Amino acid sequence: MKLSGFKYLVGQGTENIWKNKMMAFASFCVMLVSLLLVGMSVLLYMNLNSMIGGVEDKNEVIVYMDEDTSDEELAEFQTQLEQIDNIGSISFYSKEQAFEDLKENMTDYEMLFDSLEDDNPLIDSFRLRVEDISVISTTISEIGQLDHIYSVRAPMDFVNILTELQKIVSVVFVIVIAALVVISVVIVSNATKASVFMRREEIQIMKYVGATNSFIRIPFFVEGMITGLLAGCVALVITWFGYDSLVELLTGQINILSVIGMGSIISFRSIAWKVVASYLLVGTFFGACGSILSMRKHLNV
């Protein structure tokens, strides 16, 4: 096909949007709603996972050392901890620092602390943050094999609840998103079929006068592609504005909500290019392919 002929067909496709503006607008609205439903669900799932991850970061394992452990043994113990893969960070909490913190938090018992004088009843400890709480039991078992340990404290009940919650959220949202994708494909397909059906006589006439399938398809392909691209652009603007407004609203309550990991909300700018690419590519793909597939049977004249 010559370049001039291709330009003509592209121009025809663009012109068809205006000629059939009601059906084009209907297809546009259907694709817009479908993109918003799927896009918002994916963003919600990503943020729930991030929030659960924020709660994981607050998880802490405390290893209490034997009272008679020397400084050299403490240094060696820390070196051994650093060799355990699942441990993300290690901080030493001396018994002197723990005693000072205790006195600051219990000012009403100053006389009791004074009576102890230099007799510190506390013991040294290490505070650890694990990277993957789903295997925290294995990590604790590895720690327990080391020497000079008095006890290990880990919030296992909290970890078990958090792990199960993450599994449930993942399963539920995978099912919901998959269902929304299927529903969206069906709705978009029906909308494009209705649009093509309204112009079936036009397709048949072009076929009777000798137009090739490619000559007939290209304008519909361009029309669907532009409609889908416009739907993706509008969906992107709505998502961006709505997402930023919601994050701004929640940020005002961040001091309270950070306790449950709300401080881990993903900023839109950090994922903007992914959202832009997804909306525009998916919208364009749905519009173009929907038009081509819907007119296939009308070409068999």
C-alpha atoms as a PDB file:
ATOM      1  CA  MET A   1       0.000   0.000   0.000  1.00  0.00           C
ATOM      2  CA  LYS A   2       1.267   3.451  -0.927  1.00  0.00           C
ATOM      3  CA  LEU A   3       1.939   6.022   1.777  1.00  0.00           C
ATOM      4  CA  SER A   4      -0.747   8.325   0.365  1.00  0.00           C
ATOM      5  CA  GLY A   5      -3.290   5.515   0.563  1.00  0.00           C
ATOM      6  CA  PHE A   6      -2.310   4.727   4.147  1.00  0.00           C
ATOM      7  CA  LYS A   7      -2.650   8.407   5.131  1.00  0.00           C
ATOM      8  CA  TYR A   8      -6.099   8.444   3.540  1.00  0.00           C
ATOM      9  CA  LEU A   9      -7.239   5.428   5.569  1.00  0.00           C
ATOM     10  CA  VAL A  10      -5.871   6.885   8.795  1.00  0.00           C
ATOM     11  CA  GLY A  11      -7.699  10.112   8.035  1.00  0.00           C
ATOM     12  CA  GLN A  12     -10.891   8.151   7.391  1.00  0.00           C
ATOM     13  CA  GLY A  13     -10.533   6.414  10.745  1.00  0.00           C
ATOM     14  CA  THR A  14     -10.122   9.725  12.545  1.00  0.00           C
ATOM     15  CA  GLU A  15     -13.063  11.217  10.664  1.00  0.00           C
ATOM     16  CA  ASN A  16     -15.250   8.205  11.514  1.00  0.00           C
ATOM     17  CA  ILE A  17     -14.993   9.057  15.223  1.00  0.00           C
ATOM     18  CA  TRP A  18     -16.746  12.348  14.578  1.00  0.00           C
ATOM     19  CA  LYS A  19     -19.240  10.875  12.102  1.00  0.00           C
ATOM     20  CA  ASN A  20     -20.233   8.176  14.583  1.00  0.00           C
ATOM     21  CA  LYS A  21     -19.679  10.238  17.718  1.00  0.00           C
ATOM     22  CA  MET A  22     -22.474   8.645  19.771  1.00  0.00           C
ATOM     23  CA  MET A  23     -21.159   5.101  19.375  1.00  0.00           C
ATOM     24  CA  ALA A  24     -17.564   6.297  19.710  1.00  0.00           C
ATOM     25  CA  PHE A  25     -18.490   8.083  22.935  1.00  0.00           C
ATOM     26  CA  ALA A  26     -20.229   4.960  24.250  1.00  0.00           C
ATOM     27  CA  SER A  27     -17.122   2.855  23.529  1.00  0.00           C
ATOM     28  CA  PHE A  28     -14.971   5.542  25.124  1.00  0.00           C
ATOM     29  CA  CYS A  29     -17.053   5.510  28.340  1.00  0.00           C
ATOM     30  CA  VAL A  30     -17.021   1.709  28.552  1.00  0.00           C
ATOM     31  CA  MET A  31     -13.236   1.541  28.158  1.00  0.00           C
ATOM     32  CA  LEU A  32     -12.758   4.425  30.616  1.00  0.00           C
ATOM     33  CA  VAL A  33     -14.781   2.714  33.352  1.00  0.00           C
ATOM     34  CA  SER A  34     -13.076  -0.632  32.690  1.00  0.00           C
ATOM     35  CA  LEU A  35      -9.595   0.908  32.904  1.00  0.00           C
ATOM     36  CA  LEU A  36     -10.486   2.769  36.115  1.00  0.00           C
ATOM     37  CA  LEU A  37     -11.884  -0.352  37.796  1.00  0.00           C
ATOM     38  CA  VAL A  38      -8.849  -2.473  37.018  1.00  0.00           C
ATOM     39  CA  GLY A  39      -6.324   0.335  37.614  1.00  0.00           C
ATOM     40  CA  MET A  40      -7.744   1.376  40.982  1.00  0.00           C
ATOM     41  CA  SER A  41      -7.910  -2.249  42.141  1.00  0.00           C
ATOM     42  CA  VAL A  42      -4.256  -2.825  41.246  1.00  0.00           C
ATOM     43  CA  LEU A  43      -3.193   0.384  43.048  1.00  0.00           C
ATOM     44  CA  LEU A  44      -5.189  -0.607  46.139  1.00  0.00           C
ATOM     45  CA  TYR A  45      -3.547  -4.051  46.142  1.00  0.00           C
ATOM     46  CA  MET A  46      -0.065  -2.524  45.796  1.00  0.00           C
ATOM     47  CA  ASN A  47      -0.696  -0.160  48.702  1.00  0.00           C
ATOM     48  CA  LEU A  48      -2.104  -2.854  50.984  1.00  0.00           C
ATOM     49  CA  ASN A  49       1.019  -4.933  50.361  1.00  0.00           C
ATOM     50  CA  SER A  50       3.187  -1.880  51.038  1.00  0.00           C
ATOM     51  CA  MET A  51       1.300  -1.130  54.273  1.00  0.00           C
ATOM     52  CA  ILE A  52       1.725  -4.710  55.451  1.00  0.00           C
ATOM     53  CA  GLY A  53       5.410  -4.382  54.604  1.00  0.00           C
ATOM     54  CA  GLY A  54       5.511  -1.207  56.709  1.00  0.00           C
ATOM     55  CA  VAL A  55       4.149  -3.146  59.663  1.00  0.00           C
ATOM     56  CA  GLU A  56       6.776  -5.832  59.041  1.00  0.00           C
ATOM     57  CA  ASP A  57       9.510  -3.200  59.377  1.00  0.00           C
ATOM     58  CA  LYS A  58       8.279  -2.455  62.888  1.00  0.00           C
ATOM     59  CA  ASN A  59       8.734  -6.087  63.852  1.00  0.00           C
ATOM     60  CA  GLU A  60      11.661  -6.674  66.214  1.00  0.00           C
ATOM     61  CA  VAL A  61      13.434  -9.686  67.671  1.00  0.00           C
ATOM     62  CA  ILE A  62      15.323  -9.159  70.927  1.00  0.00           C
ATOM     63  CA  VAL A  63      18.165 -11.457  71.956  1.00  0.00           C
ATOM     64  CA  TYR A  64      19.083 -11.250  75.657  1.00  0.00           C
ATOM     65  CA  MET A  65      22.640 -12.249  76.538  1.00  0.00           C
ATOM     66  CA  ASP A  66      24.003 -14.142  79.537  1.00  0.00           C
ATOM     67  CA  GLU A  67      24.920 -11.860  82.421  1.00  0.00           C
ATOM     68  CA  ASP A  68      28.603 -12.840  82.471  1.00  0.00           C
ATOM     69  CA  THR A  69      29.186 -12.382  78.697  1.00  0.00           C
ATOM     70  CA  SER A  70      32.409 -10.431  78.083  1.00  0.00           C
ATOM     71  CA  ASP A  71      32.862  -7.587  75.590  1.00  0.00           C
ATOM     72  CA  GLU A  72      34.940  -9.841  73.339  1.00  0.00           C
ATOM     73  CA  GLU A  73      32.211 -12.472  73.349  1.00  0.00           C
ATOM     74  CA  LEU A  74      29.584  -9.825  72.570  1.00  0.00           C
ATOM     75  CA  ALA A  75      31.613  -8.619  69.570  1.00  0.00           C
ATOM     76  CA  GLU A  76      32.047 -12.196  68.359  1.00  0.00           C
ATOM     77  CA  PHE A  77      28.331 -12.845  68.820  1.00  0.00           C
ATOM     78  CA  GLN A  78      27.433  -9.815  66.701  1.00  0.00           C
ATOM     79  CA  THR A  79      29.753 -11.053  63.958  1.00  0.00           C
ATOM     80  CA  GLN A  80      27.950 -14.394  63.991  1.00  0.00           C
ATOM     81  CA  LEU A  81      24.569 -12.626  63.775  1.00  0.00           C
ATOM     82  CA  GLU A  82      25.722 -10.682  60.713  1.00  0.00           C
ATOM     83  CA  GLN A  83      26.332 -13.980  58.921  1.00  0.00           C
ATOM     84  CA  ILE A  84      22.658 -14.995  59.191  1.00  0.00           C
ATOM     85  CA  ASP A  85      20.995 -14.120  55.874  1.00  0.00           C
ATOM     86  CA  ASN A  86      17.505 -13.098  57.018  1.00  0.00           C
ATOM     87  CA  ILE A  87      18.679 -10.498  59.551  1.00  0.00           C
ATOM     88  CA  GLY A  88      18.346  -7.005  58.089  1.00  0.00           C
ATOM     89  CA  SER A  89      19.768  -4.832  60.852  1.00  0.00           C
ATOM     90  CA  ILE A  90      21.464  -5.369  64.218  1.00  0.00           C
ATOM     91  CA  SER A  91      21.747  -2.905  67.089  1.00  0.00           C
ATOM     92  CA  PHE A  92      23.433  -3.535  70.434  1.00  0.00           C
ATOM     93  CA  TYR A  93      21.480  -2.376  73.485  1.00  0.00           C
ATOM     94  CA  SER A  94      23.749  -2.283  76.511  1.00  0.00           C
ATOM     95  CA  LYS A  95      22.468  -2.877  80.008  1.00  0.00           C
ATOM     96  CA  GLU A  96      23.708   0.602  81.007  1.00  0.00           C
ATOM     97  CA  GLN A  97      21.616   2.245  78.264  1.00  0.00           C
ATOM     98  CA  ALA A  98      18.632   0.071  79.144  1.00  0.00           C
ATOM     99  CA  PHE A  99      18.937   1.093  82.809  1.00  0.00           C
ATOM    100  CA  GLU A 100      19.079   4.812  81.917  1.00  0.00           C
ATOM    101  CA  ASP A 101      16.045   4.482  79.657  1.00  0.00           C
ATOM    102  CA  LEU A 102      14.181   2.659  82.399  1.00  0.00           C
ATOM    103  CA  LYS A 103      14.877   5.444  84.881  1.00  0.00           C
ATOM    104  CA  GLU A 104      13.696   8.086  82.411  1.00  0.00           C
ATOM    105  CA  ASN A 105      10.444   6.219  81.810  1.00  0.00           C
ATOM    106  CA  MET A 106       9.795   5.506  85.500  1.00  0.00           C
ATOM    107  CA  THR A 107      10.511   8.817  87.205  1.00  0.00           C
ATOM    108  CA  ASP A 108       8.124   7.986  90.072  1.00  0.00           C
ATOM    109  CA  TYR A 109      10.502   5.231  91.237  1.00  0.00           C
ATOM    110  CA  GLU A 110      13.592   7.409  91.592  1.00  0.00           C
ATOM    111  CA  MET A 111      14.151   6.320  95.216  1.00  0.00           C
ATOM    112  CA  LEU A 112      14.130   2.676  94.166  1.00  0.00           C
ATOM    113  CA  PHE A 113      16.759   3.297  91.499  1.00  0.00           C
ATOM    114  CA  ASP A 114      18.898   5.292  93.909  1.00  0.00           C
ATOM    115  CA  SER A 115      18.869   2.386  96.352  1.00  0.00           C
ATOM    116  CA  LEU A 116      20.354   0.143  93.692  1.00  0.00           C
ATOM    117  CA  GLU A 117      23.331   2.506  93.291  1.00  0.00           C
ATOM    118  CA  ASP A 118      25.749   0.791  90.858  1.00  0.00           C
ATOM    119  CA  ASP A 119      23.964  -2.538  90.978  1.00  0.00           C
ATOM    120  CA  ASN A 120      22.392  -2.833  87.507  1.00  0.00           C
ATOM    121  CA  PRO A 121      19.874  -5.719  87.410  1.00  0.00           C
ATOM    122  CA  LEU A 122      19.477  -5.596  83.608  1.00  0.00           C
ATOM    123  CA  ILE A 123      21.424  -7.520  80.947  1.00  0.00           C
ATOM    124  CA  ASP A 124      22.865  -6.700  77.520  1.00  0.00           C
ATOM    125  CA  SER A 125      20.783  -7.427  74.455  1.00  0.00           C
ATOM    126  CA  PHE A 126      20.716  -7.217  70.675  1.00  0.00           C
ATOM    127  CA  ARG A 127      17.757  -5.853  68.723  1.00  0.00           C
ATOM    128  CA  LEU A 128      17.277  -7.439  65.309  1.00  0.00           C
ATOM    129  CA  ARG A 129      15.007  -6.729  62.352  1.00  0.00           C
ATOM    130  CA  VAL A 130      14.273  -9.674  60.093  1.00  0.00           C
ATOM    131  CA  GLU A 131      13.823  -9.102  56.365  1.00  0.00           C
ATOM    132  CA  ASP A 132      11.292 -11.866  55.672  1.00  0.00           C
ATOM    133  CA  ILE A 133       8.941 -12.592  58.553  1.00  0.00           C
ATOM    134  CA  SER A 134       7.503 -15.640  56.801  1.00  0.00           C
ATOM    135  CA  VAL A 135      10.692 -17.576  57.704  1.00  0.00           C
ATOM    136  CA  ILE A 136      11.245 -15.965  61.093  1.00  0.00           C
ATOM    137  CA  SER A 137      10.976 -19.343  62.860  1.00  0.00           C
ATOM    138  CA  THR A 138      13.961 -20.648  60.896  1.00  0.00           C
ATOM    139  CA  THR A 139      15.916 -17.479  61.676  1.00  0.00           C
ATOM    140  CA  ILE A 140      15.190 -17.772  65.400  1.00  0.00           C
ATOM    141  CA  SER A 141      16.312 -21.409  65.324  1.00  0.00           C
ATOM    142  CA  GLU A 142      19.631 -20.343  63.762  1.00  0.00           C
ATOM    143  CA  ILE A 143      20.063 -17.657  66.422  1.00  0.00           C
ATOM    144  CA  GLY A 144      19.276 -20.155  69.181  1.00  0.00           C
ATOM    145  CA  GLN A 145      22.241 -22.313  68.138  1.00  0.00           C
ATOM    146  CA  LEU A 146      24.683 -19.540  69.070  1.00  0.00           C
ATOM    147  CA  ASP A 147      26.414 -19.345  72.466  1.00  0.00           C
ATOM    148  CA  HIS A 148      25.920 -16.944  75.412  1.00  0.00           C
ATOM    149  CA  ILE A 149      22.174 -16.478  74.853  1.00  0.00           C
ATOM    150  CA  TYR A 150      19.910 -16.056  77.886  1.00  0.00           C
ATOM    151  CA  SER A 151      16.635 -15.851  75.931  1.00  0.00           C
ATOM    152  CA  VAL A 152      15.101 -14.759  72.612  1.00  0.00           C
ATOM    153  CA  ARG A 153      11.916 -12.736  72.435  1.00  0.00           C
ATOM    154  CA  ALA A 154       9.967 -12.643  69.158  1.00  0.00           C
ATOM    155  CA  PRO A 155       6.285 -11.675  68.556  1.00  0.00           C
ATOM    156  CA  MET A 156       5.364 -14.979  66.925  1.00  0.00           C
ATOM    157  CA  ASP A 157       1.586 -14.492  67.307  1.00  0.00           C
ATOM    158  CA  PHE A 158       1.845 -11.136  65.570  1.00  0.00           C
ATOM    159  CA  VAL A 159       4.008 -12.618  62.809  1.00  0.00           C
ATOM    160  CA  ASN A 160       1.577 -15.488  62.192  1.00  0.00           C
ATOM    161  CA  ILE A 161      -1.398 -13.116  61.942  1.00  0.00           C
ATOM    162  CA  LEU A 162       0.496 -10.788  59.599  1.00  0.00           C
ATOM    163  CA  THR A 163       1.618 -13.644  57.350  1.00  0.00           C
ATOM    164  CA  GLU A 164      -1.904 -15.050  57.073  1.00  0.00           C
ATOM    165  CA  LEU A 165      -3.287 -11.569  56.402  1.00  0.00           C
ATOM    166  CA  GLN A 166      -0.818 -11.069  53.563  1.00  0.00           C
ATOM    167  CA  LYS A 167      -1.802 -14.414  52.010  1.00  0.00           C
ATOM    168  CA  ILE A 168      -5.516 -13.626  52.268  1.00  0.00           C
ATOM    169  CA  VAL A 169      -5.079 -10.149  50.757  1.00  0.00           C
ATOM    170  CA  SER A 170      -3.029 -11.571  47.875  1.00  0.00           C
ATOM    171  CA  VAL A 171      -5.525 -14.343  47.067  1.00  0.00           C
ATOM    172  CA  VAL A 172      -8.588 -12.082  47.319  1.00  0.00           C
ATOM    173  CA  PHE A 173      -7.136  -9.322  45.159  1.00  0.00           C
ATOM    174  CA  VAL A 174      -5.768 -11.694  42.524  1.00  0.00           C
ATOM    175  CA  ILE A 175      -9.285 -13.150  42.164  1.00  0.00           C
ATOM    176  CA  VAL A 176     -10.944  -9.715  42.150  1.00  0.00           C
ATOM    177  CA  ILE A 177      -8.509  -8.225  39.622  1.00  0.00           C
ATOM    178  CA  ALA A 178      -8.732 -11.288  37.369  1.00  0.00           C
ATOM    179  CA  ALA A 179     -12.538 -11.111  37.478  1.00  0.00           C
ATOM    180  CA  LEU A 180     -12.491  -7.383  36.676  1.00  0.00           C
ATOM    181  CA  VAL A 181     -10.159  -7.980  33.729  1.00  0.00           C
ATOM    182  CA  VAL A 182     -12.461 -10.682  32.303  1.00  0.00           C
ATOM    183  CA  ILE A 183     -15.554  -8.514  32.834  1.00  0.00           C
ATOM    184  CA  SER A 184     -13.827  -5.522  31.243  1.00  0.00           C
ATOM    185  CA  VAL A 185     -12.781  -7.536  28.188  1.00  0.00           C
ATOM    186  CA  VAL A 186     -16.339  -8.817  27.721  1.00  0.00           C
ATOM    187  CA  ILE A 187     -17.893  -5.351  28.146  1.00  0.00           C
ATOM    188  CA  VAL A 188     -15.402  -3.665  25.812  1.00  0.00           C
ATOM    189  CA  SER A 189     -15.870  -6.437  23.249  1.00  0.00           C
ATOM    190  CA  ASN A 190     -19.666  -6.028  23.336  1.00  0.00           C
ATOM    191  CA  ALA A 191     -19.384  -2.241  23.052  1.00  0.00           C
ATOM    192  CA  THR A 192     -17.152  -2.462  19.976  1.00  0.00           C
ATOM    193  CA  LYS A 193     -19.383  -5.125  18.458  1.00  0.00           C
ATOM    194  CA  ALA A 194     -22.364  -2.788  18.831  1.00  0.00           C
ATOM    195  CA  SER A 195     -20.405   0.037  17.214  1.00  0.00           C
ATOM    196  CA  VAL A 196     -19.342  -2.131  14.262  1.00  0.00           C
ATOM    197  CA  PHE A 197     -22.835  -3.660  13.919  1.00  0.00           C
ATOM    198  CA  MET A 198     -24.310  -0.196  13.395  1.00  0.00           C
ATOM    199  CA  ARG A 199     -22.093   0.162  10.315  1.00  0.00           C
ATOM    200  CA  ARG A 200     -22.349  -3.379   8.940  1.00  0.00           C
ATOM    201  CA  GLU A 201     -24.046  -2.162   5.762  1.00  0.00           C
ATOM    202  CA  GLU A 202     -21.173   0.264   5.124  1.00  0.00           C
ATOM    203  CA  ILE A 203     -18.685  -2.616   5.473  1.00  0.00           C
ATOM    204  CA  GLN A 204     -20.702  -4.866   3.157  1.00  0.00           C
ATOM    205  CA  ILE A 205     -21.000  -2.166   0.472  1.00  0.00           C
ATOM    206  CA  MET A 206     -17.225  -1.575   0.565  1.00  0.00           C
ATOM    207  CA  LYS A 207     -16.720  -5.332   0.269  1.00  0.00           C
ATOM    208  CA  TYR A 208     -19.093  -5.590  -2.745  1.00  0.00           C
ATOM    209  CA  VAL A 209     -17.285  -2.840  -4.673  1.00  0.00           C
ATOM    210  CA  GLY A 210     -14.002  -4.706  -4.362  1.00  0.00           C
ATOM    211  CA  ALA A 211     -12.313  -3.184  -1.275  1.00  0.00           C
ATOM    212  CA  THR A 212      -9.749  -5.481   0.340  1.00  0.00           C
ATOM    213  CA  ASN A 213     -10.047  -6.591   3.929  1.00  0.00           C
ATOM    214  CA  SER A 214      -7.037  -4.473   4.904  1.00  0.00           C
ATOM    215  CA  PHE A 215      -8.560  -1.398   3.245  1.00  0.00           C
ATOM    216  CA  ILE A 216     -11.725  -1.871   5.318  1.00  0.00           C
ATOM    217  CA  ARG A 217      -9.994  -2.788   8.567  1.00  0.00           C
ATOM    218  CA  ILE A 218      -7.464   0.056   8.844  1.00  0.00           C
ATOM    219  CA  PRO A 219      -9.995   2.898   9.441  1.00  0.00           C
ATOM    220  CA  PHE A 220     -11.754   0.833  12.127  1.00  0.00           C
ATOM    221  CA  PHE A 221      -8.390  -0.066  13.649  1.00  0.00           C
ATOM    222  CA  VAL A 222      -7.391   3.619  13.793  1.00  0.00           C
ATOM    223  CA  GLU A 223     -10.789   4.592  15.197  1.00  0.00           C
ATOM    224  CA  GLY A 224     -10.601   1.982  17.957  1.00  0.00           C
ATOM    225  CA  MET A 225      -6.984   2.828  18.738  1.00  0.00           C
ATOM    226  CA  ILE A 226      -7.692   6.555  19.105  1.00  0.00           C
ATOM    227  CA  THR A 227     -10.803   5.918  21.213  1.00  0.00           C
ATOM    228  CA  GLY A 228      -8.846   3.586  23.504  1.00  0.00           C
ATOM    229  CA  LEU A 229      -5.944   6.024  23.730  1.00  0.00           C
ATOM    230  CA  LEU A 230      -8.278   8.861  24.739  1.00  0.00           C
ATOM    231  CA  ALA A 231      -9.930   6.617  27.343  1.00  0.00           C
ATOM    232  CA  GLY A 232      -6.479   5.756  28.731  1.00  0.00           C
ATOM    233  CA  CYS A 233      -5.514   9.451  28.935  1.00  0.00           C
ATOM    234  CA  VAL A 234      -8.700  10.430  30.782  1.00  0.00           C
ATOM    235  CA  ALA A 235      -8.408   7.405  33.100  1.00  0.00           C
ATOM    236  CA  LEU A 236      -4.836   8.457  33.881  1.00  0.00           C
ATOM    237  CA  VAL A 237      -5.880  12.026  34.778  1.00  0.00           C
ATOM    238  CA  ILE A 238      -8.754  10.821  36.978  1.00  0.00           C
ATOM    239  CA  THR A 239      -6.558   8.257  38.713  1.00  0.00           C
ATOM    240  CA  TRP A 240      -3.726  10.724  39.282  1.00  0.00           C
ATOM    241  CA  PHE A 241      -5.994  13.427  40.722  1.00  0.00           C
ATOM    242  CA  GLY A 242      -8.040  11.009  42.833  1.00  0.00           C
ATOM    243  CA  TYR A 243      -4.995   9.135  44.126  1.00  0.00           C
ATOM    244  CA  ASP A 244      -3.082  12.275  45.106  1.00  0.00           C
ATOM    245  CA  SER A 245      -6.178  13.734  46.804  1.00  0.00           C
ATOM    246  CA  LEU A 246      -6.685  10.558  48.840  1.00  0.00           C
ATOM    247  CA  VAL A 247      -3.008  10.376  49.823  1.00  0.00           C
ATOM    248  CA  GLU A 248      -3.073  14.033  50.888  1.00  0.00           C
ATOM    249  CA  LEU A 249      -6.146  13.356  53.022  1.00  0.00           C
ATOM    250  CA  LEU A 250      -4.533  10.342  54.696  1.00  0.00           C
ATOM    251  CA  THR A 251      -1.218  12.129  55.168  1.00  0.00           C
ATOM    252  CA  GLY A 252      -2.976  14.573  57.488  1.00  0.00           C
ATOM    253  CA  GLN A 253      -3.631  11.639  59.827  1.00  0.00           C
ATOM    254  CA  ILE A 254      -0.177  10.093  59.405  1.00  0.00           C
ATOM    255  CA  ASN A 255       0.795  10.259  63.095  1.00  0.00           C
ATOM    256  CA  ILE A 256      -2.061   7.956  64.005  1.00  0.00           C
ATOM    257  CA  LEU A 257      -2.173   5.811  60.903  1.00  0.00           C
ATOM    258  CA  SER A 258       1.570   5.165  60.768  1.00  0.00           C
ATOM    259  CA  VAL A 259       1.044   2.719  63.626  1.00  0.00           C
ATOM    260  CA  ILE A 260      -0.647   0.338  61.188  1.00  0.00           C
ATOM    261  CA  GLY A 261       1.796   0.976  58.383  1.00  0.00           C
ATOM    262  CA  MET A 262      -0.126   3.763  56.632  1.00  0.00           C
ATOM    263  CA  GLY A 263       3.145   5.622  56.348  1.00  0.00           C
ATOM    264  CA  SER A 264       4.074   3.110  53.642  1.00  0.00           C
ATOM    265  CA  ILE A 265       1.547   4.452  51.130  1.00  0.00           C
ATOM    266  CA  ILE A 266       3.129   4.515  47.673  1.00  0.00           C
ATOM    267  CA  SER A 267       3.473   7.984  46.170  1.00  0.00           C
ATOM    268  CA  PHE A 268       1.981   8.282  42.700  1.00  0.00           C
ATOM    269  CA  ARG A 269       5.125   9.869  41.276  1.00  0.00           C
ATOM    270  CA  SER A 270       7.174   6.794  42.167  1.00  0.00           C
ATOM    271  CA  ILE A 271       4.963   4.622  39.931  1.00  0.00           C
ATOM    272  CA  ALA A 272       3.701   7.304  37.508  1.00  0.00           C
ATOM    273  CA  TRP A 273       5.540   5.986  34.449  1.00  0.00           C
ATOM    274  CA  LYS A 274       4.190   2.470  35.050  1.00  0.00           C
ATOM    275  CA  VAL A 275       0.613   3.752  35.384  1.00  0.00           C
ATOM    276  CA  VAL A 276       0.974   5.963  32.294  1.00  0.00           C
ATOM    277  CA  ALA A 277       2.349   3.097  30.197  1.00  0.00           C
ATOM    278  CA  SER A 278      -0.283   0.655  31.460  1.00  0.00           C
ATOM    279  CA  TYR A 279      -3.282   2.915  30.849  1.00  0.00           C
ATOM    280  CA  LEU A 280      -2.191   4.136  27.429  1.00  0.00           C
ATOM    281  CA  LEU A 281      -1.003   0.759  26.120  1.00  0.00           C
ATOM    282  CA  VAL A 282      -3.933  -1.246  27.480  1.00  0.00           C
ATOM    283  CA  GLY A 283      -6.482   1.355  26.353  1.00  0.00           C
ATOM    284  CA  THR A 284      -5.004   1.500  22.847  1.00  0.00           C
ATOM    285  CA  PHE A 285      -4.759  -2.311  22.638  1.00  0.00           C
ATOM    286  CA  PHE A 286      -8.344  -2.852  23.814  1.00  0.00           C
ATOM    287  CA  GLY A 287      -9.735  -0.274  21.398  1.00  0.00           C
ATOM    288  CA  ALA A 288      -7.782  -1.415  18.344  1.00  0.00           C
ATOM    289  CA  CYS A 289      -8.153  -5.176  18.841  1.00  0.00           C
ATOM    290  CA  GLY A 290     -11.809  -4.857  19.858  1.00  0.00           C
ATOM    291  CA  SER A 291     -12.660  -3.095  16.597  1.00  0.00           C
ATOM    292  CA  ILE A 292     -10.733  -5.571  14.429  1.00  0.00           C
ATOM    293  CA  LEU A 293     -12.154  -8.698  16.079  1.00  0.00           C
ATOM    294  CA  SER A 294     -15.711  -7.352  16.128  1.00  0.00           C
ATOM    295  CA  MET A 295     -15.822  -6.710  12.384  1.00  0.00           C
ATOM    296  CA  ARG A 296     -14.365 -10.050  11.351  1.00  0.00           C
ATOM    297  CA  LYS A 297     -17.654 -11.763  10.595  1.00  0.00           C
ATOM    298  CA  HIS A 298     -18.954  -8.782   8.605  1.00  0.00           C
ATOM    299  CA  LEU A 299     -16.077  -9.201   6.142  1.00  0.00           C
ATOM    300  CA  ASN A 300     -17.307 -12.650   5.140  1.00  0.00           C
ATOM    301  CA  VAL A 301     -19.662 -11.514   2.408  1.00  0.00           C
END
